[in-house]
Amino acid sequence: MLGWAALALFTAAFAIFEAVAHGWWTALAGAALLVVPGLVGRVGPVGPRADRAAHRALPPVVVLIAYSLSPLEQPWIFTAALGRLTAVAISSCASAGRRRRCSTTG
């Protein structure tokens, strides 16, 4: 639980840094992937497989690694993956908080 909270804080800070460094387009991409996948289940019916897939940490981590190793210079891709990973970490921390208190102090 503490790990998810630390990851959420780190990725949020890193996404904000990237957005400030690269402009509004990257901020928009990061914010979109932070908010939109969580709203999809509330707007319409989504199957349980799609809902579980949207809350996995592996896809954004794969995108972050692939982007870091590639010659692409599209910072919005990196920031969007950071936004998605932040959302996954917040969601995981919140679900762990239902069982126990979620905080950054332990």
C-alpha atoms as a PDB file:
ATOM      1  CA  MET A   1       0.000   0.000   0.000  1.00  0.00           C
ATOM      2  CA  LEU A   2       2.816   2.396   0.846  1.00  0.00           C
ATOM      3  CA  GLY A   3       4.491   1.430  -2.412  1.00  0.00           C
ATOM      4  CA  TRP A   4       1.410   2.366  -4.456  1.00  0.00           C
ATOM      5  CA  ALA A   5       1.169   5.712  -2.652  1.00  0.00           C
ATOM      6  CA  ALA A   6       4.857   6.432  -3.303  1.00  0.00           C
ATOM      7  CA  LEU A   7       4.481   5.433  -6.954  1.00  0.00           C
ATOM      8  CA  ALA A   8       1.426   7.686  -7.321  1.00  0.00           C
ATOM      9  CA  LEU A   9       3.299  10.663  -5.873  1.00  0.00           C
ATOM     10  CA  PHE A  10       6.404  10.038  -7.977  1.00  0.00           C
ATOM     11  CA  THR A  11       4.583   9.539 -11.270  1.00  0.00           C
ATOM     12  CA  ALA A  12       2.311  12.527 -10.654  1.00  0.00           C
ATOM     13  CA  ALA A  13       5.322  14.754  -9.936  1.00  0.00           C
ATOM     14  CA  PHE A  14       7.157  13.416 -12.989  1.00  0.00           C
ATOM     15  CA  ALA A  15       4.099  13.957 -15.214  1.00  0.00           C
ATOM     16  CA  ILE A  16       3.786  17.546 -13.966  1.00  0.00           C
ATOM     17  CA  PHE A  17       7.485  18.114 -14.658  1.00  0.00           C
ATOM     18  CA  GLU A  18       7.101  16.756 -18.198  1.00  0.00           C
ATOM     19  CA  ALA A  19       3.984  18.861 -18.798  1.00  0.00           C
ATOM     20  CA  VAL A  20       5.726  22.037 -17.658  1.00  0.00           C
ATOM     21  CA  ALA A  21       8.826  21.249 -19.707  1.00  0.00           C
ATOM     22  CA  HIS A  22       7.009  20.357 -22.937  1.00  0.00           C
ATOM     23  CA  GLY A  23       3.823  22.425 -22.954  1.00  0.00           C
ATOM     24  CA  TRP A  24       0.078  22.151 -22.842  1.00  0.00           C
ATOM     25  CA  TRP A  25      -0.203  19.263 -25.317  1.00  0.00           C
ATOM     26  CA  THR A  26       1.660  16.920 -22.986  1.00  0.00           C
ATOM     27  CA  ALA A  27      -0.383  18.153 -20.013  1.00  0.00           C
ATOM     28  CA  LEU A  28      -3.574  17.390 -21.922  1.00  0.00           C
ATOM     29  CA  ALA A  29      -2.387  13.870 -22.818  1.00  0.00           C
ATOM     30  CA  GLY A  30      -1.366  13.102 -19.239  1.00  0.00           C
ATOM     31  CA  ALA A  31      -4.623  14.437 -17.801  1.00  0.00           C
ATOM     32  CA  ALA A  32      -6.701  12.555 -20.363  1.00  0.00           C
ATOM     33  CA  LEU A  33      -5.192   9.185 -19.508  1.00  0.00           C
ATOM     34  CA  LEU A  34      -5.384   9.997 -15.822  1.00  0.00           C
ATOM     35  CA  VAL A  35      -9.146  10.623 -15.913  1.00  0.00           C
ATOM     36  CA  VAL A  36     -10.801   9.102 -19.000  1.00  0.00           C
ATOM     37  CA  PRO A  37     -10.203   5.342 -18.495  1.00  0.00           C
ATOM     38  CA  GLY A  38     -11.718   5.573 -15.016  1.00  0.00           C
ATOM     39  CA  LEU A  39     -14.815   7.293 -16.370  1.00  0.00           C
ATOM     40  CA  VAL A  40     -15.499   4.740 -19.095  1.00  0.00           C
ATOM     41  CA  GLY A  41     -16.985   2.231 -16.652  1.00  0.00           C
ATOM     42  CA  ARG A  42     -19.238   4.916 -15.187  1.00  0.00           C
ATOM     43  CA  VAL A  43     -20.543   6.130 -18.545  1.00  0.00           C
ATOM     44  CA  GLY A  44     -21.416   2.829 -20.177  1.00  0.00           C
ATOM     45  CA  PRO A  45     -21.386  -0.878 -19.581  1.00  0.00           C
ATOM     46  CA  VAL A  46     -17.891  -2.318 -19.619  1.00  0.00           C
ATOM     47  CA  GLY A  47     -17.152  -5.977 -19.197  1.00  0.00           C
ATOM     48  CA  PRO A  48     -15.142  -7.122 -16.203  1.00  0.00           C
ATOM     49  CA  ARG A  49     -12.186  -8.089 -18.403  1.00  0.00           C
ATOM     50  CA  ALA A  50     -11.963  -4.614 -19.912  1.00  0.00           C
ATOM     51  CA  ASP A  51     -12.274  -3.019 -16.492  1.00  0.00           C
ATOM     52  CA  ARG A  52      -9.493  -5.182 -15.059  1.00  0.00           C
ATOM     53  CA  ALA A  53      -7.308  -4.517 -18.105  1.00  0.00           C
ATOM     54  CA  ALA A  54      -7.720  -0.765 -17.648  1.00  0.00           C
ATOM     55  CA  HIS A  55      -6.383  -1.024 -14.095  1.00  0.00           C
ATOM     56  CA  ARG A  56      -3.218  -2.998 -14.801  1.00  0.00           C
ATOM     57  CA  ALA A  57       0.179  -1.379 -14.292  1.00  0.00           C
ATOM     58  CA  LEU A  58       2.010  -3.365 -16.965  1.00  0.00           C
ATOM     59  CA  PRO A  59       0.786  -1.597 -20.151  1.00  0.00           C
ATOM     60  CA  PRO A  60       1.881   1.916 -19.099  1.00  0.00           C
ATOM     61  CA  VAL A  61       5.193   0.535 -17.799  1.00  0.00           C
ATOM     62  CA  VAL A  62       5.800  -1.175 -21.157  1.00  0.00           C
ATOM     63  CA  VAL A  63       5.014   2.101 -22.973  1.00  0.00           C
ATOM     64  CA  LEU A  64       7.395   4.027 -20.692  1.00  0.00           C
ATOM     65  CA  ILE A  65      10.224   1.556 -21.276  1.00  0.00           C
ATOM     66  CA  ALA A  66       9.615   1.312 -25.025  1.00  0.00           C
ATOM     67  CA  TYR A  67       9.478   5.094 -25.358  1.00  0.00           C
ATOM     68  CA  SER A  68      12.674   5.509 -23.335  1.00  0.00           C
ATOM     69  CA  LEU A  69      14.528   3.053 -25.552  1.00  0.00           C
ATOM     70  CA  SER A  70      13.149   4.367 -28.851  1.00  0.00           C
ATOM     71  CA  PRO A  71      14.315   7.364 -30.895  1.00  0.00           C
ATOM     72  CA  LEU A  72      10.823   8.948 -30.767  1.00  0.00           C
ATOM     73  CA  GLU A  73      10.598  12.565 -29.744  1.00  0.00           C
ATOM     74  CA  GLN A  74       6.909  12.799 -28.874  1.00  0.00           C
ATOM     75  CA  PRO A  75       6.845  13.716 -25.172  1.00  0.00           C
ATOM     76  CA  TRP A  76       3.053  13.478 -24.986  1.00  0.00           C
ATOM     77  CA  ILE A  77       3.321   9.668 -25.301  1.00  0.00           C
ATOM     78  CA  PHE A  78       5.596   9.494 -22.266  1.00  0.00           C
ATOM     79  CA  THR A  79       3.438  11.902 -20.256  1.00  0.00           C
ATOM     80  CA  ALA A  80       0.257  10.024 -21.175  1.00  0.00           C
ATOM     81  CA  ALA A  81       1.798   6.773 -19.926  1.00  0.00           C
ATOM     82  CA  LEU A  82       2.852   8.550 -16.715  1.00  0.00           C
ATOM     83  CA  GLY A  83      -0.709   9.807 -16.290  1.00  0.00           C
ATOM     84  CA  ARG A  84      -2.122   6.319 -16.773  1.00  0.00           C
ATOM     85  CA  LEU A  85       0.382   4.793 -14.332  1.00  0.00           C
ATOM     86  CA  THR A  86      -0.524   7.502 -11.807  1.00  0.00           C
ATOM     87  CA  ALA A  87      -4.207   6.588 -12.147  1.00  0.00           C
ATOM     88  CA  VAL A  88      -3.447   2.883 -11.696  1.00  0.00           C
ATOM     89  CA  ALA A  89      -1.374   3.621  -8.583  1.00  0.00           C
ATOM     90  CA  ILE A  90      -4.086   5.849  -7.106  1.00  0.00           C
ATOM     91  CA  SER A  91      -6.723   3.214  -7.830  1.00  0.00           C
ATOM     92  CA  SER A  92      -4.616   0.464  -6.265  1.00  0.00           C
ATOM     93  CA  CYS A  93      -3.864   2.589  -3.232  1.00  0.00           C
ATOM     94  CA  ALA A  94      -7.544   3.439  -2.807  1.00  0.00           C
ATOM     95  CA  SER A  95      -8.597  -0.194  -3.061  1.00  0.00           C
ATOM     96  CA  ALA A  96      -5.938  -1.143  -0.514  1.00  0.00           C
ATOM     97  CA  GLY A  97      -7.188   1.723   1.650  1.00  0.00           C
ATOM     98  CA  ARG A  98     -10.599   0.115   1.837  1.00  0.00           C
ATOM     99  CA  ARG A  99      -8.923  -2.779   3.591  1.00  0.00           C
ATOM    100  CA  ARG A 100      -6.395  -0.661   5.496  1.00  0.00           C
ATOM    101  CA  ARG A 101      -5.603   3.019   5.789  1.00  0.00           C
ATOM    102  CA  CYS A 102      -3.661   4.328   2.769  1.00  0.00           C
ATOM    103  CA  SER A 103      -1.145   7.016   3.530  1.00  0.00           C
ATOM    104  CA  THR A 104       2.350   8.056   2.581  1.00  0.00           C
ATOM    105  CA  THR A 105       3.486   7.965   6.209  1.00  0.00           C
ATOM    106  CA  GLY A 106       2.854   4.264   6.688  1.00  0.00           C
END
